[in-house]
Amino acid sequence: MLLSAHLDTVEPGRGINPSLDGDTLRSDGTTILGGDCKAGLAIVLEALACVAESNGPHRAVEVAFSRHEEGGLVGVRHMDFSLLAAKTGIVLDGEGAPNRITVSAPSQNVVTAEIVGRAAHAGLEPENGLSALLVTADILTRLPLGRIDAETTANIGWMEGGLKRNIVPERAELDGEFRSRSNDKLAWLELQFRKVFHETAARYPDARISLDIRNTYQAFRIEPQHESISTIGNALQHLGLSPVLEASGGGSDANVFIERGITALPVGIGVRSFHTTWETALIPEVLQAAEMCHAAIMSVDGS
């Protein structure tokens, strides 16, 4: 079986000053804690240490730590999968308690666009310019964004353009995404995005508008009777915990592992509020996750 976690964290994550308040670990509020995914790494290492100390028969186990997960699953995409033999596993990268198992997650398409208008002096001859920011604003008001339905979302998360306040902005750029657990809905959203950009280009024939949409990972949906779920569920039962099967709106290394034939499912690592400065890690749950992994490895017959 495979155990996996990622090595990177998000910003602001430098100069972290952690403190322990009872059983809760947190930062001083100026940075993230970095429990996503330092807790996942700690869980894997603790589980392996416990297996070594047990000195008994256990399942064969492989460990894969990835880099640059937060930037779009970059590390796992560049892994040498010829080095991995596992077909089942656990990805230590889920939010919440260790009995939360992600069995469904979305596909994601990344959207980038460049809008080029025409620069002009904003005080002397603004009528000779074509504002790339105004064209971009027109696009943004027409795109389907936010919560589309229960399993589909879309977002433009970054926009940049213009040079100075007295210049009609010539250039603007957009960076965004849309995702869905249904690939049919993902395809529908792509059509809507392309339609908006095409219609906007027709309204502004003097502008140059380029759009790129590319898929970064594929959705998965794992049935409850799958071996990976049974292995995790049996290990949780050893701790007196019942598995909770959940659908997620986020992607993880699991998307790529499953795409490559390894059904490694995300489980909770005891961390709450990923990617925020109020992120916390509950130490008892972190330890429970390590105990769960230990139990799963020591279960030679899968029980």
C-alpha atoms as a PDB file:
ATOM      1  CA  MET A   1       0.000   0.000   0.000  1.00  0.00           C
ATOM      2  CA  LEU A   2       1.028   3.600  -0.584  1.00  0.00           C
ATOM      3  CA  LEU A   3       1.308   6.401   1.984  1.00  0.00           C
ATOM      4  CA  SER A   4       1.662   9.878   0.554  1.00  0.00           C
ATOM      5  CA  ALA A   5       1.741  13.551   1.569  1.00  0.00           C
ATOM      6  CA  HIS A   6       3.098  16.724   0.014  1.00  0.00           C
ATOM      7  CA  LEU A   7       6.122  18.735   1.166  1.00  0.00           C
ATOM      8  CA  ASP A   8       5.038  22.285   0.322  1.00  0.00           C
ATOM      9  CA  THR A   9       2.744  24.767   2.039  1.00  0.00           C
ATOM     10  CA  VAL A  10       1.031  27.972   0.928  1.00  0.00           C
ATOM     11  CA  GLU A  11       1.943  31.571   1.744  1.00  0.00           C
ATOM     12  CA  PRO A  12       2.215  33.334   4.126  1.00  0.00           C
ATOM     13  CA  GLY A  13       4.253  30.465   5.509  1.00  0.00           C
ATOM     14  CA  ARG A  14       7.668  31.875   6.418  1.00  0.00           C
ATOM     15  CA  GLY A  15       8.770  32.629   9.951  1.00  0.00           C
ATOM     16  CA  ILE A  16       5.969  30.571  11.509  1.00  0.00           C
ATOM     17  CA  ASN A  17       5.741  30.983  15.296  1.00  0.00           C
ATOM     18  CA  PRO A  18       3.677  28.002  16.497  1.00  0.00           C
ATOM     19  CA  SER A  19       2.173  27.646  19.948  1.00  0.00           C
ATOM     20  CA  LEU A  20       0.363  24.818  21.710  1.00  0.00           C
ATOM     21  CA  ASP A  21      -2.882  25.727  23.457  1.00  0.00           C
ATOM     22  CA  GLY A  22      -3.909  22.568  25.291  1.00  0.00           C
ATOM     23  CA  ASP A  23      -4.202  19.999  22.475  1.00  0.00           C
ATOM     24  CA  THR A  24      -4.455  22.617  19.714  1.00  0.00           C
ATOM     25  CA  LEU A  25      -1.477  23.800  17.694  1.00  0.00           C
ATOM     26  CA  ARG A  26      -1.747  27.191  15.945  1.00  0.00           C
ATOM     27  CA  SER A  27       0.392  30.010  14.579  1.00  0.00           C
ATOM     28  CA  ASP A  28       0.539  33.519  16.046  1.00  0.00           C
ATOM     29  CA  GLY A  29      -1.989  34.654  13.428  1.00  0.00           C
ATOM     30  CA  THR A  30       0.441  36.392  11.082  1.00  0.00           C
ATOM     31  CA  THR A  31       1.167  33.236   9.057  1.00  0.00           C
ATOM     32  CA  ILE A  32      -0.431  29.928   8.277  1.00  0.00           C
ATOM     33  CA  LEU A  33       0.398  27.057  10.615  1.00  0.00           C
ATOM     34  CA  GLY A  34       1.412  24.799   7.726  1.00  0.00           C
ATOM     35  CA  GLY A  35      -0.445  21.782   9.079  1.00  0.00           C
ATOM     36  CA  ASP A  36      -1.388  21.321   5.431  1.00  0.00           C
ATOM     37  CA  CYS A  37       0.637  19.303   4.888  1.00  0.00           C
ATOM     38  CA  LYS A  38       3.251  19.121   7.659  1.00  0.00           C
ATOM     39  CA  ALA A  39       0.788  17.129   9.751  1.00  0.00           C
ATOM     40  CA  GLY A  40       0.473  14.652   6.880  1.00  0.00           C
ATOM     41  CA  LEU A  41       4.240  14.197   6.745  1.00  0.00           C
ATOM     42  CA  ALA A  42       4.426  13.736  10.529  1.00  0.00           C
ATOM     43  CA  ILE A  43       1.647  11.139  10.380  1.00  0.00           C
ATOM     44  CA  VAL A  44       3.453   9.067   7.746  1.00  0.00           C
ATOM     45  CA  LEU A  45       6.788   9.198   9.599  1.00  0.00           C
ATOM     46  CA  GLU A  46       5.185   8.316  12.953  1.00  0.00           C
ATOM     47  CA  ALA A  47       3.277   5.405  11.404  1.00  0.00           C
ATOM     48  CA  LEU A  48       6.461   4.023   9.846  1.00  0.00           C
ATOM     49  CA  ALA A  49       8.339   4.402  13.142  1.00  0.00           C
ATOM     50  CA  CYS A  50       5.586   2.457  14.917  1.00  0.00           C
ATOM     51  CA  VAL A  51       5.721  -0.307  12.305  1.00  0.00           C
ATOM     52  CA  ALA A  52       9.495  -0.577  12.759  1.00  0.00           C
ATOM     53  CA  GLU A  53       9.112  -0.704  16.541  1.00  0.00           C
ATOM     54  CA  SER A  54       6.396  -3.378  16.269  1.00  0.00           C
ATOM     55  CA  ASN A  55       8.864  -5.660  14.498  1.00  0.00           C
ATOM     56  CA  GLY A  56       6.059  -7.883  13.267  1.00  0.00           C
ATOM     57  CA  PRO A  57       4.624  -9.004   9.921  1.00  0.00           C
ATOM     58  CA  HIS A  58       3.059  -6.195   7.927  1.00  0.00           C
ATOM     59  CA  ARG A  59       1.900  -5.264   4.483  1.00  0.00           C
ATOM     60  CA  ALA A  60       4.437  -4.003   1.983  1.00  0.00           C
ATOM     61  CA  VAL A  61       4.363  -0.209   2.117  1.00  0.00           C
ATOM     62  CA  GLU A  62       5.660   2.501  -0.209  1.00  0.00           C
ATOM     63  CA  VAL A  63       6.009   6.198   0.605  1.00  0.00           C
ATOM     64  CA  ALA A  64       5.737   9.010  -1.937  1.00  0.00           C
ATOM     65  CA  PHE A  65       6.279  12.627  -0.830  1.00  0.00           C
ATOM     66  CA  SER A  66       5.537  15.192  -3.541  1.00  0.00           C
ATOM     67  CA  ARG A  67       6.597  18.793  -4.044  1.00  0.00           C
ATOM     68  CA  HIS A  68       4.602  21.773  -5.364  1.00  0.00           C
ATOM     69  CA  GLU A  69       1.194  20.224  -4.743  1.00  0.00           C
ATOM     70  CA  GLU A  70      -0.299  23.614  -3.900  1.00  0.00           C
ATOM     71  CA  GLY A  71       0.766  24.999  -7.286  1.00  0.00           C
ATOM     72  CA  GLY A  72      -1.371  22.513  -9.203  1.00  0.00           C
ATOM     73  CA  LEU A  73      -0.231  18.965  -8.320  1.00  0.00           C
ATOM     74  CA  VAL A  74       3.035  19.623 -10.137  1.00  0.00           C
ATOM     75  CA  GLY A  75       5.199  17.215  -8.156  1.00  0.00           C
ATOM     76  CA  VAL A  76       2.961  14.170  -8.413  1.00  0.00           C
ATOM     77  CA  ARG A  77       2.584  14.761 -12.153  1.00  0.00           C
ATOM     78  CA  HIS A  78       6.353  14.481 -12.521  1.00  0.00           C
ATOM     79  CA  MET A  79       6.768  11.383 -10.353  1.00  0.00           C
ATOM     80  CA  ASP A  80       8.408   8.306 -11.820  1.00  0.00           C
ATOM     81  CA  PHE A  81       5.494   5.911 -11.437  1.00  0.00           C
ATOM     82  CA  SER A  82       7.663   3.005 -12.554  1.00  0.00           C
ATOM     83  CA  LEU A  83       9.086   3.096  -9.013  1.00  0.00           C
ATOM     84  CA  LEU A  84       5.671   2.431  -7.434  1.00  0.00           C
ATOM     85  CA  ALA A  85       4.022  -0.986  -7.284  1.00  0.00           C
ATOM     86  CA  ALA A  86       1.106  -0.173  -4.943  1.00  0.00           C
ATOM     87  CA  LYS A  87      -2.468  -0.220  -6.232  1.00  0.00           C
ATOM     88  CA  THR A  88      -4.135   1.052  -3.044  1.00  0.00           C
ATOM     89  CA  GLY A  89      -3.162   3.638  -0.477  1.00  0.00           C
ATOM     90  CA  ILE A  90      -3.783   6.694   1.670  1.00  0.00           C
ATOM     91  CA  VAL A  91      -3.087  10.346   0.904  1.00  0.00           C
ATOM     92  CA  LEU A  92      -2.565  12.244   4.169  1.00  0.00           C
ATOM     93  CA  ASP A  93      -3.934  15.578   3.021  1.00  0.00           C
ATOM     94  CA  GLY A  94      -7.579  15.815   4.102  1.00  0.00           C
ATOM     95  CA  GLU A  95      -9.130  18.404   6.383  1.00  0.00           C
ATOM     96  CA  GLY A  96     -10.609  17.358   9.713  1.00  0.00           C
ATOM     97  CA  ALA A  97     -10.628  14.109  11.655  1.00  0.00           C
ATOM     98  CA  PRO A  98      -8.906  10.951  10.309  1.00  0.00           C
ATOM     99  CA  ASN A  99     -12.195   9.104   9.816  1.00  0.00           C
ATOM    100  CA  ARG A 100     -13.118  11.522   7.005  1.00  0.00           C
ATOM    101  CA  ILE A 101     -12.343   9.729   3.732  1.00  0.00           C
ATOM    102  CA  THR A 102     -12.642  11.569   0.425  1.00  0.00           C
ATOM    103  CA  VAL A 103     -14.201   9.218  -2.119  1.00  0.00           C
ATOM    104  CA  SER A 104     -15.105  11.779  -4.791  1.00  0.00           C
ATOM    105  CA  ALA A 105     -13.299  14.880  -6.037  1.00  0.00           C
ATOM    106  CA  PRO A 106     -13.609  17.150  -9.086  1.00  0.00           C
ATOM    107  CA  SER A 107     -11.807  17.695 -12.347  1.00  0.00           C
ATOM    108  CA  GLN A 108     -10.210  21.120 -12.729  1.00  0.00           C
ATOM    109  CA  ASN A 109      -9.666  23.291 -15.785  1.00  0.00           C
ATOM    110  CA  VAL A 110      -7.326  26.275 -15.496  1.00  0.00           C
ATOM    111  CA  VAL A 111      -8.229  29.448 -17.399  1.00  0.00           C
ATOM    112  CA  THR A 112      -5.706  32.067 -18.514  1.00  0.00           C
ATOM    113  CA  ALA A 113      -6.459  34.996 -20.794  1.00  0.00           C
ATOM    114  CA  GLU A 114      -4.765  38.055 -22.243  1.00  0.00           C
ATOM    115  CA  ILE A 115      -6.668  41.118 -23.414  1.00  0.00           C
ATOM    116  CA  VAL A 116      -4.828  43.718 -25.509  1.00  0.00           C
ATOM    117  CA  GLY A 117      -6.452  47.054 -26.226  1.00  0.00           C
ATOM    118  CA  ARG A 118      -4.818  50.320 -27.336  1.00  0.00           C
ATOM    119  CA  ALA A 119      -2.880  52.724 -25.141  1.00  0.00           C
ATOM    120  CA  ALA A 120      -3.499  56.475 -25.206  1.00  0.00           C
ATOM    121  CA  HIS A 121      -2.916  59.488 -22.968  1.00  0.00           C
ATOM    122  CA  ALA A 122      -5.859  59.524 -20.580  1.00  0.00           C
ATOM    123  CA  GLY A 123      -5.952  63.332 -20.364  1.00  0.00           C
ATOM    124  CA  LEU A 124      -5.140  64.371 -23.918  1.00  0.00           C
ATOM    125  CA  GLU A 125      -6.746  61.760 -26.159  1.00  0.00           C
ATOM    126  CA  PRO A 126      -8.625  59.041 -24.247  1.00  0.00           C
ATOM    127  CA  GLU A 127     -10.976  58.574 -27.209  1.00  0.00           C
ATOM    128  CA  ASN A 128      -8.034  57.183 -29.187  1.00  0.00           C
ATOM    129  CA  GLY A 129      -7.462  54.441 -26.641  1.00  0.00           C
ATOM    130  CA  LEU A 130      -9.188  51.135 -25.990  1.00  0.00           C
ATOM    131  CA  SER A 131      -9.087  50.151 -22.332  1.00  0.00           C
ATOM    132  CA  ALA A 132      -8.099  46.534 -21.823  1.00  0.00           C
ATOM    133  CA  LEU A 133      -9.447  46.771 -18.289  1.00  0.00           C
ATOM    134  CA  LEU A 134     -12.912  47.797 -19.482  1.00  0.00           C
ATOM    135  CA  VAL A 135     -12.954  44.931 -21.978  1.00  0.00           C
ATOM    136  CA  THR A 136     -11.854  42.590 -19.188  1.00  0.00           C
ATOM    137  CA  ALA A 137     -14.567  43.944 -16.895  1.00  0.00           C
ATOM    138  CA  ASP A 138     -17.138  43.229 -19.612  1.00  0.00           C
ATOM    139  CA  ILE A 139     -15.898  39.631 -19.737  1.00  0.00           C
ATOM    140  CA  LEU A 140     -16.041  39.226 -15.953  1.00  0.00           C
ATOM    141  CA  THR A 141     -19.636  40.411 -15.708  1.00  0.00           C
ATOM    142  CA  ARG A 142     -20.723  37.787 -18.239  1.00  0.00           C
ATOM    143  CA  LEU A 143     -18.833  34.718 -17.049  1.00  0.00           C
ATOM    144  CA  PRO A 144     -20.668  32.140 -14.895  1.00  0.00           C
ATOM    145  CA  LEU A 145     -18.737  32.419 -11.625  1.00  0.00           C
ATOM    146  CA  GLY A 146     -19.082  31.248  -8.038  1.00  0.00           C
ATOM    147  CA  ARG A 147     -21.177  28.265  -6.968  1.00  0.00           C
ATOM    148  CA  ILE A 148     -22.744  26.872 -10.143  1.00  0.00           C
ATOM    149  CA  ASP A 149     -24.340  23.848  -8.441  1.00  0.00           C
ATOM    150  CA  ALA A 150     -23.594  21.360  -5.663  1.00  0.00           C
ATOM    151  CA  GLU A 151     -20.615  19.841  -7.491  1.00  0.00           C
ATOM    152  CA  THR A 152     -19.483  22.683  -9.764  1.00  0.00           C
ATOM    153  CA  THR A 153     -17.683  26.003  -9.139  1.00  0.00           C
ATOM    154  CA  ALA A 154     -15.908  28.666 -11.188  1.00  0.00           C
ATOM    155  CA  ASN A 155     -13.602  31.490 -10.175  1.00  0.00           C
ATOM    156  CA  ILE A 156     -11.363  34.188 -11.603  1.00  0.00           C
ATOM    157  CA  GLY A 157      -8.818  34.596  -8.834  1.00  0.00           C
ATOM    158  CA  TRP A 158      -6.314  37.075 -10.299  1.00  0.00           C
ATOM    159  CA  MET A 159      -6.429  40.034 -12.663  1.00  0.00           C
ATOM    160  CA  GLU A 160      -3.680  42.463 -13.575  1.00  0.00           C
ATOM    161  CA  GLY A 161      -3.467  45.265 -16.092  1.00  0.00           C
ATOM    162  CA  GLY A 162      -2.498  48.827 -16.879  1.00  0.00           C
ATOM    163  CA  LEU A 163       0.640  50.857 -16.212  1.00  0.00           C
ATOM    164  CA  LYS A 164      -0.200  54.315 -14.801  1.00  0.00           C
ATOM    165  CA  ARG A 165      -3.263  56.350 -13.923  1.00  0.00           C
ATOM    166  CA  ASN A 166      -2.819  58.688 -16.903  1.00  0.00           C
ATOM    167  CA  ILE A 167      -2.539  55.948 -19.538  1.00  0.00           C
ATOM    168  CA  VAL A 168      -5.510  54.132 -21.048  1.00  0.00           C
ATOM    169  CA  PRO A 169      -4.550  50.547 -20.141  1.00  0.00           C
ATOM    170  CA  GLU A 170      -3.356  48.557 -23.125  1.00  0.00           C
ATOM    171  CA  ARG A 171      -3.014  45.106 -21.558  1.00  0.00           C
ATOM    172  CA  ALA A 172      -4.753  42.952 -18.956  1.00  0.00           C
ATOM    173  CA  GLU A 173      -4.417  39.343 -17.855  1.00  0.00           C
ATOM    174  CA  LEU A 174      -6.734  36.915 -16.080  1.00  0.00           C
ATOM    175  CA  ASP A 175      -6.067  33.688 -14.190  1.00  0.00           C
ATOM    176  CA  GLY A 176      -8.860  31.449 -12.964  1.00  0.00           C
ATOM    177  CA  GLU A 177     -10.355  27.995 -12.886  1.00  0.00           C
ATOM    178  CA  PHE A 178     -13.516  25.980 -12.968  1.00  0.00           C
ATOM    179  CA  ARG A 179     -14.067  22.537 -11.535  1.00  0.00           C
ATOM    180  CA  SER A 180     -16.757  19.917 -11.230  1.00  0.00           C
ATOM    181  CA  ARG A 181     -17.192  16.335 -10.099  1.00  0.00           C
ATOM    182  CA  SER A 182     -19.123  15.890 -13.372  1.00  0.00           C
ATOM    183  CA  ASN A 183     -17.057  16.020 -16.549  1.00  0.00           C
ATOM    184  CA  ASP A 184     -20.226  16.789 -18.533  1.00  0.00           C
ATOM    185  CA  LYS A 185     -20.732  19.910 -16.436  1.00  0.00           C
ATOM    186  CA  LEU A 186     -17.050  20.761 -16.827  1.00  0.00           C
ATOM    187  CA  ALA A 187     -17.449  20.579 -20.611  1.00  0.00           C
ATOM    188  CA  TRP A 188     -20.584  22.752 -20.411  1.00  0.00           C
ATOM    189  CA  LEU A 189     -18.696  25.386 -18.417  1.00  0.00           C
ATOM    190  CA  GLU A 190     -15.871  25.415 -20.923  1.00  0.00           C
ATOM    191  CA  LEU A 191     -18.400  26.107 -23.685  1.00  0.00           C
ATOM    192  CA  GLN A 192     -19.857  28.996 -21.656  1.00  0.00           C
ATOM    193  CA  PHE A 193     -16.431  30.518 -21.068  1.00  0.00           C
ATOM    194  CA  ARG A 194     -15.472  30.248 -24.720  1.00  0.00           C
ATOM    195  CA  LYS A 195     -18.807  31.721 -25.767  1.00  0.00           C
ATOM    196  CA  VAL A 196     -18.341  34.781 -23.530  1.00  0.00           C
ATOM    197  CA  PHE A 197     -14.822  35.420 -24.826  1.00  0.00           C
ATOM    198  CA  HIS A 198     -15.931  34.932 -28.440  1.00  0.00           C
ATOM    199  CA  GLU A 199     -18.871  37.315 -28.087  1.00  0.00           C
ATOM    200  CA  THR A 200     -16.711  39.908 -26.341  1.00  0.00           C
ATOM    201  CA  ALA A 201     -14.129  39.728 -29.097  1.00  0.00           C
ATOM    202  CA  ALA A 202     -16.925  40.405 -31.620  1.00  0.00           C
ATOM    203  CA  ARG A 203     -18.041  43.490 -29.651  1.00  0.00           C
ATOM    204  CA  TYR A 204     -14.479  44.855 -29.514  1.00  0.00           C
ATOM    205  CA  PRO A 205     -12.993  44.083 -32.936  1.00  0.00           C
ATOM    206  CA  ASP A 206     -10.001  46.347 -32.290  1.00  0.00           C
ATOM    207  CA  ALA A 207      -8.996  44.336 -29.213  1.00  0.00           C
ATOM    208  CA  ARG A 208      -6.924  41.168 -29.252  1.00  0.00           C
ATOM    209  CA  ILE A 209      -8.316  38.579 -26.891  1.00  0.00           C
ATOM    210  CA  SER A 210      -6.632  35.230 -26.278  1.00  0.00           C
ATOM    211  CA  LEU A 211      -8.015  32.454 -24.086  1.00  0.00           C
ATOM    212  CA  ASP A 212      -6.372  29.235 -22.939  1.00  0.00           C
ATOM    213  CA  ILE A 213      -8.218  26.491 -21.061  1.00  0.00           C
ATOM    214  CA  ARG A 214      -6.349  23.376 -19.993  1.00  0.00           C
ATOM    215  CA  ASN A 215      -7.209  20.450 -17.766  1.00  0.00           C
ATOM    216  CA  THR A 216      -4.944  19.944 -14.747  1.00  0.00           C
ATOM    217  CA  TYR A 217      -6.518  16.887 -13.135  1.00  0.00           C
ATOM    218  CA  GLN A 218      -9.401  14.486 -13.580  1.00  0.00           C
ATOM    219  CA  ALA A 219     -12.323  13.755 -11.257  1.00  0.00           C
ATOM    220  CA  PHE A 220     -12.666  10.506  -9.356  1.00  0.00           C
ATOM    221  CA  ARG A 221     -15.494   8.666  -7.654  1.00  0.00           C
ATOM    222  CA  ILE A 222     -14.688   5.497  -5.686  1.00  0.00           C
ATOM    223  CA  GLU A 223     -17.405   3.013  -4.709  1.00  0.00           C
ATOM    224  CA  PRO A 224     -17.840   2.222  -0.972  1.00  0.00           C
ATOM    225  CA  GLN A 225     -16.921  -1.439  -1.409  1.00  0.00           C
ATOM    226  CA  HIS A 226     -13.477  -0.671  -2.865  1.00  0.00           C
ATOM    227  CA  GLU A 227     -10.470  -2.342  -1.202  1.00  0.00           C
ATOM    228  CA  SER A 228      -8.876   1.002  -0.265  1.00  0.00           C
ATOM    229  CA  ILE A 229     -11.987   2.065   1.651  1.00  0.00           C
ATOM    230  CA  SER A 230     -12.214  -1.326   3.357  1.00  0.00           C
ATOM    231  CA  THR A 231      -8.570  -1.144   4.445  1.00  0.00           C
ATOM    232  CA  ILE A 232      -8.953   2.352   5.901  1.00  0.00           C
ATOM    233  CA  GLY A 233     -12.331   1.499   7.446  1.00  0.00           C
ATOM    234  CA  ASN A 234     -11.004  -1.624   9.167  1.00  0.00           C
ATOM    235  CA  ALA A 235      -8.041   0.321  10.537  1.00  0.00           C
ATOM    236  CA  LEU A 236     -10.382   3.006  11.883  1.00  0.00           C
ATOM    237  CA  GLN A 237     -12.509   0.376  13.598  1.00  0.00           C
ATOM    238  CA  HIS A 238      -9.429  -0.702  15.552  1.00  0.00           C
ATOM    239  CA  LEU A 239      -9.486   2.829  17.017  1.00  0.00           C
ATOM    240  CA  GLY A 240     -13.226   2.789  17.675  1.00  0.00           C
ATOM    241  CA  LEU A 241     -13.922   5.176  14.801  1.00  0.00           C
ATOM    242  CA  SER A 242     -16.489   4.849  12.014  1.00  0.00           C
ATOM    243  CA  PRO A 243     -15.508   5.973   8.506  1.00  0.00           C
ATOM    244  CA  VAL A 244     -17.309   8.963   7.022  1.00  0.00           C
ATOM    245  CA  LEU A 245     -17.272   8.948   3.207  1.00  0.00           C
ATOM    246  CA  GLU A 246     -17.300  12.434   1.717  1.00  0.00           C
ATOM    247  CA  ALA A 247     -17.261  14.241  -1.618  1.00  0.00           C
ATOM    248  CA  SER A 248     -14.819  17.131  -1.942  1.00  0.00           C
ATOM    249  CA  GLY A 249     -14.697  20.300  -4.001  1.00  0.00           C
ATOM    250  CA  GLY A 250     -10.901  20.304  -3.978  1.00  0.00           C
ATOM    251  CA  GLY A 251      -8.241  18.387  -5.828  1.00  0.00           C
ATOM    252  CA  SER A 252      -5.202  16.644  -4.347  1.00  0.00           C
ATOM    253  CA  ASP A 253      -2.397  14.300  -5.309  1.00  0.00           C
ATOM    254  CA  ALA A 254      -5.028  11.557  -5.049  1.00  0.00           C
ATOM    255  CA  ASN A 255      -6.541  12.733  -8.351  1.00  0.00           C
ATOM    256  CA  VAL A 256      -3.303  11.943 -10.165  1.00  0.00           C
ATOM    257  CA  PHE A 257      -2.593   8.725  -8.251  1.00  0.00           C
ATOM    258  CA  ILE A 258      -6.049   7.407  -9.169  1.00  0.00           C
ATOM    259  CA  GLU A 259      -5.615   8.554 -12.777  1.00  0.00           C
ATOM    260  CA  ARG A 260      -2.379   6.510 -12.826  1.00  0.00           C
ATOM    261  CA  GLY A 261      -4.026   3.381 -11.405  1.00  0.00           C
ATOM    262  CA  ILE A 262      -3.295   3.746  -7.665  1.00  0.00           C
ATOM    263  CA  THR A 263      -6.473   4.142  -5.599  1.00  0.00           C
ATOM    264  CA  ALA A 264      -4.950   6.242  -2.818  1.00  0.00           C
ATOM    265  CA  LEU A 265      -7.669   8.171  -0.964  1.00  0.00           C
ATOM    266  CA  PRO A 266      -7.327  11.374   1.081  1.00  0.00           C
ATOM    267  CA  VAL A 267      -8.084  11.132   4.794  1.00  0.00           C
ATOM    268  CA  GLY A 268      -8.260  13.797   7.486  1.00  0.00           C
ATOM    269  CA  ILE A 269      -5.004  14.798   9.184  1.00  0.00           C
ATOM    270  CA  GLY A 270      -6.447  16.599  12.206  1.00  0.00           C
ATOM    271  CA  VAL A 271      -6.063  20.053  10.653  1.00  0.00           C
ATOM    272  CA  ARG A 272      -8.771  22.693  10.281  1.00  0.00           C
ATOM    273  CA  SER A 273      -9.015  25.872   8.144  1.00  0.00           C
ATOM    274  CA  PHE A 274      -6.458  24.974   5.478  1.00  0.00           C
ATOM    275  CA  HIS A 275      -4.746  27.942   3.761  1.00  0.00           C
ATOM    276  CA  THR A 276      -5.668  30.500   6.443  1.00  0.00           C
ATOM    277  CA  THR A 277      -3.796  32.295   9.219  1.00  0.00           C
ATOM    278  CA  TRP A 278      -6.206  30.758  11.749  1.00  0.00           C
ATOM    279  CA  GLU A 279      -5.320  27.191  10.686  1.00  0.00           C
ATOM    280  CA  THR A 280      -5.122  24.733  13.602  1.00  0.00           C
ATOM    281  CA  ALA A 281      -3.951  21.168  14.188  1.00  0.00           C
ATOM    282  CA  LEU A 282      -5.582  19.012  16.871  1.00  0.00           C
ATOM    283  CA  ILE A 283      -2.772  16.850  18.233  1.00  0.00           C
ATOM    284  CA  PRO A 284      -4.994  13.912  19.361  1.00  0.00           C
ATOM    285  CA  GLU A 285      -6.423  13.637  15.833  1.00  0.00           C
ATOM    286  CA  VAL A 286      -2.953  13.820  14.271  1.00  0.00           C
ATOM    287  CA  LEU A 287      -1.941  10.901  16.505  1.00  0.00           C
ATOM    288  CA  GLN A 288      -5.142   9.020  15.643  1.00  0.00           C
ATOM    289  CA  ALA A 289      -4.304   9.349  11.942  1.00  0.00           C
ATOM    290  CA  ALA A 290      -0.843   7.893  12.599  1.00  0.00           C
ATOM    291  CA  GLU A 291      -2.419   5.025  14.576  1.00  0.00           C
ATOM    292  CA  MET A 292      -4.854   4.408  11.721  1.00  0.00           C
ATOM    293  CA  CYS A 293      -2.006   4.209   9.185  1.00  0.00           C
ATOM    294  CA  HIS A 294      -0.077   1.916  11.532  1.00  0.00           C
ATOM    295  CA  ALA A 295      -3.088  -0.394  11.851  1.00  0.00           C
ATOM    296  CA  ALA A 296      -3.614  -0.423   8.079  1.00  0.00           C
ATOM    297  CA  ILE A 297       0.019  -1.394   7.462  1.00  0.00           C
ATOM    298  CA  MET A 298       0.084  -4.090  10.153  1.00  0.00           C
ATOM    299  CA  SER A 299      -3.067  -5.702   8.702  1.00  0.00           C
ATOM    300  CA  VAL A 300      -1.301  -8.257   6.539  1.00  0.00           C
ATOM    301  CA  ASP A 301      -4.487  -9.956   5.385  1.00  0.00           C
ATOM    302  CA  GLY A 302      -6.293  -6.654   4.816  1.00  0.00           C
ATOM    303  CA  SER A 303      -8.524  -7.119   7.871  1.00  0.00           C
END
